[in-house]
Amino acid sequence: MPTFGEKLISSARQAEEHSAGRRDLRSATVEIRPIPSYEPTQIRAIRSRLDLTRALFGGVIGVSSKTVEAWEIGARQPSAAALRLIAELDTNPEYVSKIVKRV
């Protein structure tokens, strides 16, 4: 296994070869989906469809039940990260069973 220093030297050589036109580098194109938006009624509908209390829904997303309540009454907007998680729960409801253990 090469050491960090050896990897660094190898990378520098590859960059030098590329800048001299003697090497093609790999590249990839990625697209980041836009951040979704949800109306307060949609957030509540998603939570209800998942059969989660505000506390459990908040626990899955990483916020308090008071925050979920504020989203549902329109007093606050979810952060971009929370919106992405809500979208994930909306499109993949089975994800909840990986996090929430019903006893």
N, C-alpha and C. Protein backbone atom coordinates (compact mmCIF):
# COMPACT_ATOMS: atom_id res chain seq x y z
N MET A 1 0.85 -1.18 0.00
CA MET A 1 0.00 0.00 0.00
C MET A 1 0.89 1.24 0.00
N PRO A 2 0.69 2.12 -0.97
CA PRO A 2 1.52 3.32 -1.02
C PRO A 2 1.23 4.24 0.16
N THR A 3 2.25 4.93 0.59
CA THR A 3 2.10 5.89 1.69
C THR A 3 1.43 7.15 1.16
N PHE A 4 1.01 8.02 2.08
CA PHE A 4 0.40 9.28 1.68
C PHE A 4 1.37 10.09 0.83
N GLY A 5 2.63 10.14 1.23
CA GLY A 5 3.64 10.89 0.47
C GLY A 5 3.81 10.36 -0.94
N GLU A 6 3.82 9.03 -1.08
CA GLU A 6 3.94 8.42 -2.41
C GLU A 6 2.73 8.74 -3.28
N LYS A 7 1.54 8.72 -2.68
CA LYS A 7 0.33 9.08 -3.43
C LYS A 7 0.37 10.53 -3.87
N LEU A 8 0.87 11.39 -2.99
CA LEU A 8 0.96 12.81 -3.30
C LEU A 8 1.92 13.06 -4.46
N ILE A 9 3.06 12.41 -4.43
CA ILE A 9 4.04 12.56 -5.51
C ILE A 9 3.47 12.02 -6.82
N SER A 10 2.79 10.87 -6.76
CA SER A 10 2.19 10.30 -7.95
C SER A 10 1.14 11.24 -8.54
N SER A 11 0.33 11.83 -7.67
CA SER A 11 -0.69 12.77 -8.14
C SER A 11 -0.07 13.99 -8.79
N ALA A 12 1.01 14.48 -8.21
CA ALA A 12 1.69 15.64 -8.79
C ALA A 12 2.26 15.30 -10.16
N ARG A 13 2.80 14.11 -10.32
CA ARG A 13 3.33 13.69 -11.63
C ARG A 13 2.20 13.59 -12.65
N GLN A 14 1.07 13.04 -12.24
CA GLN A 14 -0.07 12.93 -13.15
C GLN A 14 -0.56 14.31 -13.58
N ALA A 15 -0.61 15.25 -12.64
CA ALA A 15 -1.03 16.62 -12.97
C ALA A 15 -0.05 17.25 -13.94
N GLU A 16 1.23 17.03 -13.75
CA GLU A 16 2.25 17.57 -14.64
C GLU A 16 2.12 16.97 -16.04
N GLU A 17 1.91 15.66 -16.12
CA GLU A 17 1.72 15.01 -17.42
C GLU A 17 0.46 15.53 -18.11
N HIS A 18 -0.58 15.75 -17.35
CA HIS A 18 -1.82 16.28 -17.93
C HIS A 18 -1.60 17.69 -18.48
N SER A 19 -0.93 18.53 -17.71
CA SER A 19 -0.72 19.91 -18.17
C SER A 19 0.19 19.96 -19.39
N ALA A 20 1.04 18.94 -19.55
CA ALA A 20 1.92 18.89 -20.72
C ALA A 20 1.24 18.20 -21.91
N GLY A 21 -0.02 17.74 -21.71
CA GLY A 21 -0.74 17.10 -22.81
C GLY A 21 -0.39 15.65 -23.02
N ARG A 22 0.29 15.02 -22.09
CA ARG A 22 0.69 13.63 -22.23
C ARG A 22 -0.24 12.66 -21.50
N ARG A 23 -1.27 13.17 -20.86
CA ARG A 23 -2.16 12.31 -20.09
C ARG A 23 -3.57 12.88 -20.08
N ASP A 24 -4.53 12.01 -20.27
CA ASP A 24 -5.93 12.40 -20.11
C ASP A 24 -6.38 11.98 -18.71
N LEU A 25 -7.11 12.84 -18.08
CA LEU A 25 -7.62 12.54 -16.76
C LEU A 25 -9.07 12.12 -16.84
N ARG A 26 -9.49 11.31 -15.89
CA ARG A 26 -10.90 10.91 -15.81
C ARG A 26 -11.71 12.10 -15.34
N SER A 27 -12.92 12.16 -15.82
CA SER A 27 -13.82 13.20 -15.34
C SER A 27 -15.23 12.63 -15.28
N ALA A 28 -16.03 13.27 -14.50
CA ALA A 28 -17.43 12.86 -14.38
C ALA A 28 -18.28 14.11 -14.28
N THR A 29 -19.45 14.01 -14.83
CA THR A 29 -20.41 15.11 -14.74
C THR A 29 -21.48 14.70 -13.75
N VAL A 30 -21.78 15.56 -12.83
CA VAL A 30 -22.83 15.29 -11.87
C VAL A 30 -23.85 16.41 -11.90
N GLU A 31 -25.06 16.06 -11.58
CA GLU A 31 -26.12 17.05 -11.52
C GLU A 31 -26.75 16.97 -10.14
N ILE A 32 -26.84 18.08 -9.48
CA ILE A 32 -27.47 18.14 -8.17
C ILE A 32 -28.91 18.60 -8.37
N ARG A 33 -29.82 17.77 -7.93
CA ARG A 33 -31.23 18.12 -8.09
C ARG A 33 -31.56 19.38 -7.29
N PRO A 34 -32.48 20.18 -7.79
CA PRO A 34 -32.86 21.39 -7.05
C PRO A 34 -33.47 21.02 -5.70
N ILE A 35 -33.37 21.93 -4.77
CA ILE A 35 -33.96 21.72 -3.45
C ILE A 35 -35.48 21.80 -3.60
N PRO A 36 -36.19 20.77 -3.14
CA PRO A 36 -37.64 20.79 -3.28
C PRO A 36 -38.27 21.81 -2.32
N SER A 37 -39.50 22.13 -2.57
CA SER A 37 -40.23 22.99 -1.63
C SER A 37 -41.53 22.30 -1.28
N TYR A 38 -41.98 22.51 -0.06
CA TYR A 38 -43.22 21.91 0.41
C TYR A 38 -44.02 22.98 1.14
N GLU A 39 -45.31 22.96 0.89
CA GLU A 39 -46.24 23.80 1.63
C GLU A 39 -46.48 23.16 3.00
N PRO A 40 -46.88 23.95 3.98
CA PRO A 40 -47.14 23.37 5.30
C PRO A 40 -48.10 22.18 5.27
N THR A 41 -49.15 22.27 4.46
CA THR A 41 -50.11 21.16 4.39
C THR A 41 -49.47 19.91 3.79
N GLN A 42 -48.52 20.08 2.90
CA GLN A 42 -47.84 18.92 2.30
C GLN A 42 -46.96 18.22 3.34
N ILE A 43 -46.29 19.01 4.16
CA ILE A 43 -45.43 18.43 5.20
C ILE A 43 -46.29 17.60 6.16
N ARG A 44 -47.41 18.17 6.57
CA ARG A 44 -48.30 17.45 7.48
C ARG A 44 -48.83 16.18 6.81
N ALA A 45 -49.18 16.26 5.53
CA ALA A 45 -49.70 15.09 4.81
C ALA A 45 -48.65 13.99 4.73
N ILE A 46 -47.40 14.36 4.49
CA ILE A 46 -46.31 13.36 4.44
C ILE A 46 -46.17 12.70 5.80
N ARG A 47 -46.13 13.51 6.86
CA ARG A 47 -46.00 12.97 8.21
C ARG A 47 -47.16 12.05 8.55
N SER A 48 -48.37 12.46 8.19
CA SER A 48 -49.55 11.64 8.46
C SER A 48 -49.51 10.33 7.68
N ARG A 49 -49.13 10.41 6.42
CA ARG A 49 -49.04 9.21 5.58
C ARG A 49 -48.03 8.22 6.15
N LEU A 50 -46.97 8.74 6.76
CA LEU A 50 -45.95 7.88 7.37
C LEU A 50 -46.36 7.38 8.74
N ASP A 51 -47.52 7.87 9.23
CA ASP A 51 -48.06 7.50 10.54
C ASP A 51 -47.06 7.82 11.67
N LEU A 52 -46.53 9.04 11.62
CA LEU A 52 -45.56 9.48 12.63
C LEU A 52 -46.11 10.67 13.40
N THR A 53 -45.83 10.69 14.69
CA THR A 53 -46.14 11.88 15.48
C THR A 53 -45.15 12.97 15.08
N ARG A 54 -45.42 14.18 15.51
CA ARG A 54 -44.47 15.26 15.24
C ARG A 54 -43.12 14.96 15.87
N ALA A 55 -43.14 14.37 17.05
CA ALA A 55 -41.88 14.05 17.74
C ALA A 55 -41.08 13.01 16.95
N LEU A 56 -41.75 11.97 16.46
CA LEU A 56 -41.04 10.94 15.69
C LEU A 56 -40.55 11.49 14.35
N PHE A 57 -41.42 12.25 13.67
CA PHE A 57 -41.02 12.84 12.40
C PHE A 57 -39.81 13.75 12.60
N GLY A 58 -39.87 14.57 13.64
CA GLY A 58 -38.73 15.43 13.95
C GLY A 58 -37.49 14.63 14.29
N GLY A 59 -37.68 13.54 15.02
CA GLY A 59 -36.54 12.69 15.36
C GLY A 59 -35.87 12.09 14.15
N VAL A 60 -36.67 11.69 13.17
CA VAL A 60 -36.12 11.14 11.93
C VAL A 60 -35.31 12.20 11.19
N ILE A 61 -35.83 13.43 11.17
CA ILE A 61 -35.18 14.51 10.43
C ILE A 61 -34.07 15.17 11.24
N GLY A 62 -34.20 15.12 12.57
CA GLY A 62 -33.18 15.73 13.42
C GLY A 62 -33.58 17.10 13.95
N VAL A 63 -34.88 17.31 14.13
CA VAL A 63 -35.38 18.57 14.68
C VAL A 63 -36.40 18.24 15.78
N SER A 64 -36.81 19.26 16.52
CA SER A 64 -37.77 19.05 17.60
C SER A 64 -39.20 18.98 17.07
N SER A 65 -40.08 18.48 17.91
CA SER A 65 -41.50 18.44 17.53
C SER A 65 -42.04 19.85 17.37
N LYS A 66 -41.54 20.81 18.14
CA LYS A 66 -41.96 22.21 18.01
C LYS A 66 -41.57 22.77 16.64
N THR A 67 -40.42 22.36 16.14
CA THR A 67 -40.00 22.80 14.80
C THR A 67 -40.93 22.24 13.74
N VAL A 68 -41.27 20.96 13.87
CA VAL A 68 -42.20 20.34 12.91
C VAL A 68 -43.54 21.07 12.97
N GLU A 69 -44.01 21.38 14.17
CA GLU A 69 -45.26 22.11 14.32
C GLU A 69 -45.19 23.47 13.61
N ALA A 70 -44.06 24.17 13.79
CA ALA A 70 -43.88 25.48 13.14
C ALA A 70 -43.91 25.34 11.62
N TRP A 71 -43.33 24.27 11.08
CA TRP A 71 -43.38 24.04 9.63
C TRP A 71 -44.82 23.83 9.19
N GLU A 72 -45.55 23.01 9.96
CA GLU A 72 -46.91 22.63 9.57
C GLU A 72 -47.92 23.77 9.66
N ILE A 73 -47.64 24.76 10.50
CA ILE A 73 -48.55 25.91 10.57
C ILE A 73 -48.04 27.08 9.74
N GLY A 74 -46.89 26.90 9.12
CA GLY A 74 -46.34 27.93 8.24
C GLY A 74 -45.59 29.04 8.96
N ALA A 75 -45.27 28.84 10.23
CA ALA A 75 -44.54 29.86 10.99
C ALA A 75 -43.05 29.86 10.65
N ARG A 76 -42.53 28.72 10.20
CA ARG A 76 -41.12 28.59 9.82
C ARG A 76 -41.01 27.74 8.58
N GLN A 77 -39.90 27.93 7.87
CA GLN A 77 -39.60 27.13 6.69
C GLN A 77 -38.50 26.12 7.05
N PRO A 78 -38.60 24.89 6.58
CA PRO A 78 -37.52 23.93 6.80
C PRO A 78 -36.24 24.38 6.10
N SER A 79 -35.11 24.01 6.68
CA SER A 79 -33.82 24.29 6.04
C SER A 79 -33.70 23.46 4.76
N ALA A 80 -32.71 23.79 3.96
CA ALA A 80 -32.49 23.04 2.72
C ALA A 80 -32.22 21.57 3.02
N ALA A 81 -31.43 21.30 4.05
CA ALA A 81 -31.13 19.92 4.41
C ALA A 81 -32.39 19.19 4.84
N ALA A 82 -33.22 19.85 5.64
CA ALA A 82 -34.47 19.23 6.08
C ALA A 82 -35.40 18.98 4.89
N LEU A 83 -35.44 19.91 3.95
CA LEU A 83 -36.28 19.72 2.76
C LEU A 83 -35.84 18.50 1.96
N ARG A 84 -34.53 18.31 1.84
CA ARG A 84 -34.05 17.12 1.12
C ARG A 84 -34.45 15.85 1.86
N LEU A 85 -34.37 15.86 3.19
CA LEU A 85 -34.79 14.67 3.96
C LEU A 85 -36.29 14.44 3.84
N ILE A 86 -37.07 15.50 3.88
CA ILE A 86 -38.52 15.36 3.71
C ILE A 86 -38.84 14.76 2.34
N ALA A 87 -38.13 15.23 1.32
CA ALA A 87 -38.34 14.68 -0.03
C ALA A 87 -37.98 13.20 -0.07
N GLU A 88 -36.92 12.83 0.62
CA GLU A 88 -36.52 11.42 0.66
C GLU A 88 -37.59 10.58 1.34
N LEU A 89 -38.13 11.08 2.45
CA LEU A 89 -39.20 10.37 3.14
C LEU A 89 -40.46 10.30 2.28
N ASP A 90 -40.72 11.35 1.54
CA ASP A 90 -41.90 11.40 0.67
C ASP A 90 -41.81 10.36 -0.44
N THR A 91 -40.65 10.23 -1.05
CA THR A 91 -40.50 9.31 -2.18
C THR A 91 -40.09 7.90 -1.77
N ASN A 92 -39.52 7.75 -0.57
CA ASN A 92 -39.08 6.42 -0.10
C ASN A 92 -39.56 6.20 1.33
N PRO A 93 -40.86 6.01 1.52
CA PRO A 93 -41.38 5.88 2.89
C PRO A 93 -40.82 4.68 3.65
N GLU A 94 -40.31 3.68 2.94
CA GLU A 94 -39.73 2.52 3.63
C GLU A 94 -38.48 2.89 4.43
N TYR A 95 -37.92 4.05 4.13
CA TYR A 95 -36.74 4.53 4.86
C TYR A 95 -37.04 4.68 6.35
N VAL A 96 -38.28 5.04 6.67
CA VAL A 96 -38.67 5.23 8.07
C VAL A 96 -38.46 3.95 8.88
N SER A 97 -38.78 2.79 8.28
CA SER A 97 -38.64 1.53 9.01
C SER A 97 -37.19 1.21 9.34
N LYS A 98 -36.26 1.84 8.65
CA LYS A 98 -34.84 1.63 8.97
C LYS A 98 -34.41 2.45 10.16
N ILE A 99 -35.19 3.50 10.49
CA ILE A 99 -34.82 4.41 11.56
C ILE A 99 -35.71 4.24 12.79
N VAL A 100 -37.01 4.05 12.55
CA VAL A 100 -37.98 3.98 13.63
C VAL A 100 -38.31 2.52 13.92
N LYS A 101 -38.08 2.11 15.14
CA LYS A 101 -38.43 0.75 15.55
C LYS A 101 -39.70 0.80 16.37
N ARG A 102 -40.77 0.28 15.81
CA ARG A 102 -42.05 0.28 16.51
C ARG A 102 -42.11 -0.94 17.42
N VAL A 103 -42.46 -0.68 18.69
CA VAL A 103 -42.53 -1.79 19.67
C VAL A 103 -43.92 -1.95 20.23
